């Protein structure tokens, strides 16, 4: 089964940098990498991690699966430390 055209352009590794700000924290910078892998079942494996550019400390990570149906519905399952989300 092939990946639906809706999500096929995501396949690859994407990197960037950004900044974050929360009321209880000092503003911070981060770098991030997101990978989408075609696993051959119509699904894309999803891997994400963000880290501090200053220390290399991992700030956040998650993994999951993405699938688009022929009707254009996107089903996403993501696991993070201590929780799982399904959209």
N, C-alpha and C. Protein backbone atom coordinates (compact mmCIF):
# COMPACT_ATOMS: atom_id res chain seq x y z
N UNK A 1 0.85 -1.17 0.00
CA UNK A 1 0.00 0.00 0.00
C UNK A 1 0.90 1.24 0.00
N UNK A 2 0.57 2.18 -0.85
CA UNK A 2 1.39 3.39 -0.93
C UNK A 2 0.82 4.50 -0.04
N UNK A 3 1.66 5.45 0.27
CA UNK A 3 1.26 6.59 1.08
C UNK A 3 0.35 7.49 0.23
N UNK A 4 -0.72 7.97 0.82
CA UNK A 4 -1.63 8.87 0.12
C UNK A 4 -0.91 10.13 -0.32
N UNK A 5 -1.25 10.67 -1.50
CA UNK A 5 -0.60 11.89 -2.00
C UNK A 5 -0.67 13.07 -1.02
N UNK A 6 -1.68 13.11 -0.15
CA UNK A 6 -1.83 14.19 0.81
C UNK A 6 -0.61 14.32 1.72
N UNK A 7 0.00 13.19 2.12
CA UNK A 7 1.12 13.25 3.06
C UNK A 7 2.45 12.80 2.46
N UNK A 8 2.44 12.29 1.23
CA UNK A 8 3.68 11.81 0.61
C UNK A 8 4.78 12.88 0.57
N UNK A 9 4.46 14.18 0.35
CA UNK A 9 5.54 15.19 0.32
C UNK A 9 6.26 15.38 1.66
N UNK A 10 5.71 14.84 2.75
CA UNK A 10 6.36 14.99 4.05
C UNK A 10 7.57 14.06 4.21
N UNK A 11 7.66 13.00 3.42
CA UNK A 11 8.74 12.02 3.59
C UNK A 11 10.09 12.72 3.51
N UNK A 12 10.91 12.49 4.54
CA UNK A 12 12.23 13.09 4.59
C UNK A 12 12.55 13.58 6.00
N UNK A 13 13.64 14.29 6.11
CA UNK A 13 14.10 14.86 7.38
C UNK A 13 14.04 16.37 7.28
N UNK A 14 13.41 16.99 8.26
CA UNK A 14 13.22 18.44 8.29
C UNK A 14 13.88 18.98 9.55
N UNK A 15 14.68 20.03 9.42
CA UNK A 15 15.38 20.62 10.57
C UNK A 15 15.16 22.12 10.58
N UNK A 16 15.16 22.67 11.79
CA UNK A 16 15.02 24.11 11.91
C UNK A 16 15.35 24.56 13.32
N UNK A 17 15.18 25.85 13.55
CA UNK A 17 15.43 26.40 14.88
C UNK A 17 14.30 27.35 15.21
N UNK A 18 14.14 27.59 16.49
CA UNK A 18 13.06 28.47 16.92
C UNK A 18 13.30 28.98 18.32
N UNK A 19 12.26 29.60 18.85
CA UNK A 19 12.32 30.11 20.21
C UNK A 19 11.00 29.81 20.89
N UNK A 20 11.06 29.67 22.20
CA UNK A 20 9.87 29.39 22.99
C UNK A 20 9.76 30.34 24.16
N UNK A 21 8.53 30.48 24.64
CA UNK A 21 8.28 31.38 25.76
C UNK A 21 7.03 30.91 26.49
N UNK A 22 7.13 30.75 27.79
CA UNK A 22 6.01 30.36 28.64
C UNK A 22 5.98 31.30 29.84
N UNK A 23 4.81 31.54 30.43
CA UNK A 23 4.73 32.47 31.57
C UNK A 23 5.62 32.09 32.75
N UNK A 24 5.90 30.79 32.92
CA UNK A 24 6.67 30.34 34.08
C UNK A 24 8.15 30.11 33.78
N UNK A 25 8.60 30.46 32.57
CA UNK A 25 9.98 30.18 32.16
C UNK A 25 10.59 31.39 31.47
N UNK A 26 11.90 31.43 31.49
CA UNK A 26 12.62 32.42 30.70
C UNK A 26 12.51 32.02 29.22
N UNK A 27 12.46 32.98 28.30
CA UNK A 27 12.47 32.64 26.87
C UNK A 27 13.70 31.78 26.53
N UNK A 28 13.54 30.90 25.57
CA UNK A 28 14.62 29.99 25.22
C UNK A 28 14.66 29.75 23.72
N UNK A 29 15.82 29.34 23.24
CA UNK A 29 16.03 28.95 21.83
C UNK A 29 16.10 27.43 21.77
N UNK A 30 15.76 26.87 20.63
CA UNK A 30 15.87 25.44 20.45
C UNK A 30 16.13 25.11 18.99
N UNK A 31 16.63 23.92 18.75
CA UNK A 31 16.75 23.34 17.42
C UNK A 31 15.87 22.11 17.40
N UNK A 32 15.36 21.76 16.22
CA UNK A 32 14.40 20.67 16.12
C UNK A 32 14.62 19.88 14.84
N UNK A 33 14.35 18.59 14.93
CA UNK A 33 14.39 17.71 13.77
C UNK A 33 13.13 16.87 13.76
N UNK A 34 12.50 16.79 12.58
CA UNK A 34 11.32 15.95 12.38
C UNK A 34 11.61 15.04 11.20
N UNK A 35 11.34 13.75 11.38
CA UNK A 35 11.55 12.78 10.30
C UNK A 35 10.25 12.06 10.00
N UNK A 36 9.94 11.92 8.72
CA UNK A 36 8.81 11.12 8.25
C UNK A 36 9.37 10.02 7.37
N UNK A 37 9.07 8.77 7.72
CA UNK A 37 9.59 7.61 7.00
C UNK A 37 8.43 6.81 6.42
N UNK A 38 8.49 6.49 5.14
CA UNK A 38 7.49 5.63 4.51
C UNK A 38 7.80 4.19 4.93
N UNK A 39 6.91 3.60 5.71
CA UNK A 39 7.15 2.25 6.23
C UNK A 39 6.49 1.18 5.37
N UNK A 40 5.93 1.58 4.22
CA UNK A 40 5.44 0.60 3.26
C UNK A 40 4.04 0.07 3.51
N UNK A 41 3.33 0.60 4.49
CA UNK A 41 1.99 0.10 4.79
C UNK A 41 0.93 1.16 4.53
N UNK A 42 1.32 2.26 3.90
CA UNK A 42 0.41 3.39 3.75
C UNK A 42 0.56 4.38 4.88
N UNK A 43 1.35 4.01 5.89
CA UNK A 43 1.60 4.88 7.05
C UNK A 43 2.95 5.57 6.90
N UNK A 44 3.06 6.71 7.58
CA UNK A 44 4.36 7.35 7.75
C UNK A 44 4.74 7.24 9.22
N UNK A 45 5.95 6.76 9.49
CA UNK A 45 6.47 6.82 10.85
C UNK A 45 6.93 8.26 11.08
N UNK A 46 6.69 8.77 12.28
CA UNK A 46 6.99 10.16 12.63
C UNK A 46 7.91 10.17 13.84
N UNK A 47 9.04 10.86 13.75
CA UNK A 47 9.98 10.99 14.85
C UNK A 47 10.34 12.46 15.00
N UNK A 48 10.26 12.99 16.22
CA UNK A 48 10.55 14.39 16.46
C UNK A 48 11.42 14.52 17.69
N UNK A 49 12.36 15.47 17.66
CA UNK A 49 13.13 15.79 18.86
C UNK A 49 13.55 17.25 18.77
N UNK A 50 13.60 17.90 19.92
CA UNK A 50 14.06 19.29 20.03
C UNK A 50 15.10 19.33 21.13
N UNK A 51 16.13 20.17 20.94
CA UNK A 51 17.22 20.24 21.91
C UNK A 51 17.71 21.67 22.05
N UNK A 52 18.43 21.91 23.13
CA UNK A 52 19.04 23.21 23.39
C UNK A 52 20.29 23.34 22.53
N UNK A 53 20.40 24.40 21.72
CA UNK A 53 21.62 24.56 20.93
C UNK A 53 22.84 24.85 21.80
N UNK A 54 22.64 25.39 22.99
CA UNK A 54 23.76 25.71 23.88
C UNK A 54 24.34 24.47 24.55
N UNK A 55 23.47 23.58 25.05
CA UNK A 55 23.95 22.45 25.84
C UNK A 55 23.78 21.10 25.15
N UNK A 56 22.93 21.03 24.12
CA UNK A 56 22.63 19.75 23.48
C UNK A 56 21.59 18.95 24.23
N UNK A 57 21.11 19.45 25.38
CA UNK A 57 20.09 18.75 26.18
C UNK A 57 18.80 18.61 25.38
N UNK A 58 18.24 17.39 25.38
CA UNK A 58 16.96 17.16 24.71
C UNK A 58 15.86 17.83 25.52
N UNK A 59 15.07 18.67 24.84
CA UNK A 59 13.99 19.40 25.49
C UNK A 59 12.64 18.71 25.32
N UNK A 60 12.49 18.00 24.21
CA UNK A 60 11.21 17.32 23.92
C UNK A 60 11.45 16.27 22.86
N UNK A 61 10.70 15.18 22.91
CA UNK A 61 10.76 14.16 21.88
C UNK A 61 9.42 13.46 21.82
N UNK A 62 9.05 13.01 20.62
CA UNK A 62 7.83 12.24 20.46
C UNK A 62 7.95 11.39 19.19
N UNK A 63 7.09 10.39 19.08
CA UNK A 63 7.09 9.50 17.92
C UNK A 63 5.67 9.03 17.66
N UNK A 64 5.41 8.62 16.44
CA UNK A 64 4.07 8.13 16.14
C UNK A 64 3.93 7.70 14.70
N UNK A 65 2.68 7.60 14.29
CA UNK A 65 2.34 7.20 12.93
C UNK A 65 1.31 8.17 12.37
N UNK A 66 1.44 8.47 11.09
CA UNK A 66 0.48 9.31 10.36
C UNK A 66 -0.08 8.50 9.21
N UNK A 67 -1.40 8.60 9.00
CA UNK A 67 -2.03 7.95 7.85
C UNK A 67 -3.11 8.86 7.30
N UNK A 68 -3.15 9.02 6.00
CA UNK A 68 -4.22 9.75 5.34
C UNK A 68 -5.09 8.73 4.61
N UNK A 69 -6.40 8.85 4.77
CA UNK A 69 -7.32 7.95 4.08
C UNK A 69 -7.60 8.49 2.69
N UNK A 70 -8.09 7.65 1.79
CA UNK A 70 -8.44 8.13 0.44
C UNK A 70 -9.47 9.26 0.48
N UNK A 71 -10.25 9.33 1.54
CA UNK A 71 -11.26 10.38 1.68
C UNK A 71 -10.68 11.70 2.20
N UNK A 72 -9.36 11.72 2.48
CA UNK A 72 -8.71 12.94 2.93
C UNK A 72 -8.71 13.13 4.44
N UNK A 73 -9.03 12.09 5.21
CA UNK A 73 -8.99 12.17 6.67
C UNK A 73 -7.57 11.83 7.12
N UNK A 74 -7.01 12.67 7.97
CA UNK A 74 -5.67 12.43 8.50
C UNK A 74 -5.79 11.85 9.90
N UNK A 75 -5.22 10.65 10.10
CA UNK A 75 -5.24 9.98 11.40
C UNK A 75 -3.80 10.02 11.93
N UNK A 76 -3.62 10.60 13.12
CA UNK A 76 -2.29 10.75 13.71
C UNK A 76 -2.31 10.16 15.10
N UNK A 77 -1.36 9.28 15.39
CA UNK A 77 -1.16 8.73 16.72
C UNK A 77 0.24 9.10 17.15
N UNK A 78 0.35 9.78 18.30
CA UNK A 78 1.65 10.26 18.78
C UNK A 78 1.84 9.85 20.23
N UNK A 79 3.01 9.34 20.54
CA UNK A 79 3.37 9.00 21.92
C UNK A 79 4.47 9.95 22.38
N UNK A 80 4.29 10.47 23.58
CA UNK A 80 5.26 11.33 24.24
C UNK A 80 5.51 10.72 25.62
N UNK A 81 6.57 11.13 26.27
CA UNK A 81 6.74 10.63 27.64
C UNK A 81 5.49 10.94 28.48
N UNK A 82 4.95 9.95 29.10
CA UNK A 82 3.80 10.03 30.01
C UNK A 82 2.45 10.26 29.35
N UNK A 83 2.33 10.27 28.00
CA UNK A 83 1.00 10.39 27.41
C UNK A 83 1.01 9.98 25.94
N UNK A 84 -0.19 9.69 25.43
CA UNK A 84 -0.39 9.34 24.03
C UNK A 84 -1.56 10.15 23.50
N UNK A 85 -1.48 10.61 22.28
CA UNK A 85 -2.54 11.40 21.65
C UNK A 85 -2.97 10.72 20.36
N UNK A 86 -4.26 10.76 20.07
CA UNK A 86 -4.80 10.29 18.80
C UNK A 86 -5.69 11.40 18.26
N UNK A 87 -5.43 11.82 17.03
CA UNK A 87 -6.24 12.87 16.40
C UNK A 87 -6.81 12.34 15.10
